[in-house]
Amino acid sequence: MLDDRKKKVLQAIVEEYINTAEPVSSNALISKYDLNCSSATIRNEMSDLEKKGLLDKMHTSSGRVPSAKGYRYYVDELLKDDNISLEEVKYISNKLETKVHEIEDLTKITANTISEITHYTTVTIGPKADEQIIQEIKFVLLGTRM
């Protein structure tokens, strides 16, 4: 679907946006990523990625942000696999061997397992996620330890 340069540009935009939560400009990509091309070439690639629905432009003068389709492509095609230990594989297998009768229960078990291993907050969205809109996120302090 994408040539190598477009893949590199999309990967850089997604990773930069994840790190900064700001629209990503061609100049930001040139200064932080080894893309071996001019700012004008990056802008052309960004325009092509936008036409393919992989990027969105918030304002006419702003940089680009990944679309839902762009994130999906990143996860499916560009995200590098990190090896996990045998101990983690056994732990995950043990957790997922639990008998469940509802997809919601499996989703909860999976999210909790990922959160335990990565020490990150995990959010899950069910089928038809591209039709879902998150309306509110609440953070509740459970203790004084941060």
Protein backbone atom coordinates (compact mmCIF):
# COMPACT_ATOMS: atom_id res chain seq x y z
CA MET A 1 0.00 0.00 0.00
CA LEU A 2 2.77 2.49 0.92
CA ASP A 3 6.30 2.87 -0.41
CA ASP A 4 9.20 2.86 2.05
CA ARG A 5 9.48 6.64 2.36
CA LYS A 6 5.76 7.06 3.09
CA LYS A 7 6.03 4.31 5.71
CA LYS A 8 8.95 6.10 7.37
CA VAL A 9 7.12 9.45 7.30
CA LEU A 10 3.92 7.94 8.74
CA GLN A 11 5.87 6.10 11.44
CA ALA A 12 7.74 9.27 12.39
CA ILE A 13 4.50 11.30 12.53
CA VAL A 14 2.71 8.73 14.71
CA GLU A 15 5.65 8.42 17.11
CA GLU A 16 6.18 12.18 17.30
CA TYR A 17 2.47 12.78 17.88
CA ILE A 18 2.40 10.12 20.61
CA ASN A 19 5.35 11.85 22.30
CA THR A 20 4.15 15.46 21.98
CA ALA A 21 0.36 15.40 21.45
CA GLU A 22 0.94 18.28 19.00
CA PRO A 23 0.35 18.34 15.23
CA VAL A 24 3.59 17.32 13.51
CA SER A 25 5.25 19.64 10.98
CA SER A 26 7.66 18.70 8.22
CA ASN A 27 10.36 20.74 9.98
CA ALA A 28 9.89 18.72 13.18
CA LEU A 29 10.37 15.52 11.20
CA ILE A 30 13.49 16.85 9.46
CA SER A 31 15.08 17.91 12.74
CA LYS A 32 14.31 14.75 14.75
CA TYR A 33 14.21 11.87 12.27
CA ASP A 34 16.70 10.64 9.69
CA LEU A 35 14.42 10.72 6.64
CA ASN A 36 17.09 11.81 4.11
CA CYS A 37 14.88 14.17 2.12
CA SER A 38 13.88 17.83 1.99
CA SER A 39 11.11 19.53 3.92
CA ALA A 40 9.20 19.99 0.64
CA THR A 41 9.40 16.25 -0.06
CA ILE A 42 8.13 15.51 3.45
CA ARG A 43 5.21 17.92 2.91
CA ASN A 44 4.35 16.14 -0.37
CA GLU A 45 4.46 12.77 1.37
CA MET A 46 2.28 14.12 4.19
CA SER A 47 -0.21 15.40 1.61
CA ASP A 48 -0.33 11.97 -0.06
CA LEU A 49 -0.82 10.27 3.32
CA GLU A 50 -3.64 12.71 4.08
CA LYS A 51 -5.32 11.89 0.74
CA LYS A 52 -5.11 8.19 1.64
CA GLY A 53 -6.90 8.93 4.92
CA LEU A 54 -3.90 8.10 7.11
CA LEU A 55 -3.35 11.67 8.37
CA ASP A 56 -5.60 14.57 9.31
CA LYS A 57 -4.82 18.27 9.15
CA MET A 58 -6.38 20.27 11.97
CA HIS A 59 -5.90 23.74 10.39
CA THR A 60 -4.58 24.98 7.06
CA SER A 61 -1.29 26.13 8.59
CA SER A 62 -0.82 23.32 11.10
CA GLY A 63 1.05 20.06 10.94
CA ARG A 64 -0.61 16.69 10.58
CA VAL A 65 -1.94 14.20 13.10
CA PRO A 66 -2.56 10.48 12.59
CA SER A 67 -6.14 9.49 11.76
CA ALA A 68 -7.75 6.34 13.15
CA LYS A 69 -6.82 4.64 9.87
CA GLY A 70 -3.24 5.91 10.27
CA TYR A 71 -2.97 4.50 13.79
CA ARG A 72 -4.38 1.17 12.57
CA TYR A 73 -1.80 1.02 9.76
CA TYR A 74 0.95 1.89 12.23
CA VAL A 75 -0.08 -0.89 14.61
CA ASP A 76 -0.65 -3.49 11.89
CA GLU A 77 2.32 -2.72 9.64
CA LEU A 78 4.93 -0.48 11.27
CA LEU A 79 5.04 -1.16 15.00
CA LYS A 80 8.17 -3.07 15.89
CA ASP A 81 7.73 -6.26 17.87
CA ASP A 82 9.59 -6.33 21.15
CA ASN A 83 10.51 -9.76 22.39
CA ILE A 84 8.97 -10.79 25.67
CA SER A 85 10.47 -13.21 28.14
CA LEU A 86 9.41 -16.83 28.53
CA GLU A 87 8.20 -15.94 32.03
CA GLU A 88 5.90 -13.26 30.58
CA VAL A 89 4.60 -15.68 27.93
CA LYS A 90 3.72 -18.22 30.65
CA TYR A 91 2.09 -15.51 32.76
CA ILE A 92 -0.02 -14.28 29.84
CA SER A 93 -0.99 -17.83 28.85
CA ASN A 94 -2.03 -18.62 32.41
CA LYS A 95 -4.15 -15.46 32.65
CA LEU A 96 -5.86 -16.08 29.31
CA GLU A 97 -6.66 -19.72 30.07
CA THR A 98 -9.45 -18.50 32.34
CA LYS A 99 -12.81 -19.68 31.02
CA VAL A 100 -14.96 -16.75 29.97
CA HIS A 101 -18.44 -16.68 28.51
CA GLU A 102 -18.68 -13.01 27.59
CA ILE A 103 -16.39 -11.00 25.32
CA GLU A 104 -16.49 -8.19 27.90
CA ASP A 105 -14.91 -10.49 30.50
CA LEU A 106 -12.15 -11.51 28.08
CA THR A 107 -11.54 -7.84 27.28
CA LYS A 108 -11.21 -7.01 30.98
CA ILE A 109 -8.82 -9.90 31.64
CA THR A 110 -6.71 -8.97 28.63
CA ALA A 111 -6.58 -5.27 29.56
CA ASN A 112 -5.65 -6.06 33.16
CA THR A 113 -2.92 -8.46 32.05
CA ILE A 114 -1.42 -5.92 29.64
CA SER A 115 -1.55 -3.26 32.34
CA GLU A 116 0.15 -5.54 34.88
CA ILE A 117 2.99 -6.39 32.49
CA THR A 118 3.60 -2.91 31.06
CA HIS A 119 2.71 -0.86 34.14
CA TYR A 120 0.67 1.41 31.85
CA THR A 121 -2.98 2.31 31.92
CA THR A 122 -4.92 0.19 29.44
CA VAL A 123 -8.04 1.26 27.60
CA THR A 124 -10.07 -1.19 25.55
CA ILE A 125 -12.70 -0.48 22.96
CA GLY A 126 -14.98 -3.17 21.65
CA PRO A 127 -16.01 -4.05 18.13
CA LYS A 128 -16.76 -1.21 15.74
CA ALA A 129 -14.27 1.01 17.57
CA ASP A 130 -14.12 3.44 14.68
CA GLU A 131 -17.81 4.16 15.31
CA GLN A 132 -17.29 4.75 19.04
CA ILE A 133 -16.75 8.16 20.59
CA ILE A 134 -15.11 8.44 23.99
CA GLN A 135 -17.14 11.09 25.74
CA GLU A 136 -15.42 11.19 29.10
CA ILE A 137 -12.38 9.85 30.88
CA LYS A 138 -12.17 10.05 34.66
CA PHE A 139 -9.04 9.62 36.75
CA VAL A 140 -9.64 8.59 40.33
CA LEU A 141 -6.90 8.83 42.94
CA LEU A 142 -6.71 5.44 44.62
CA GLY A 143 -3.88 6.25 46.98
CA THR A 144 -1.14 8.71 47.70
CA ARG A 145 1.59 6.81 45.82
CA MET A 146 2.26 8.17 42.35
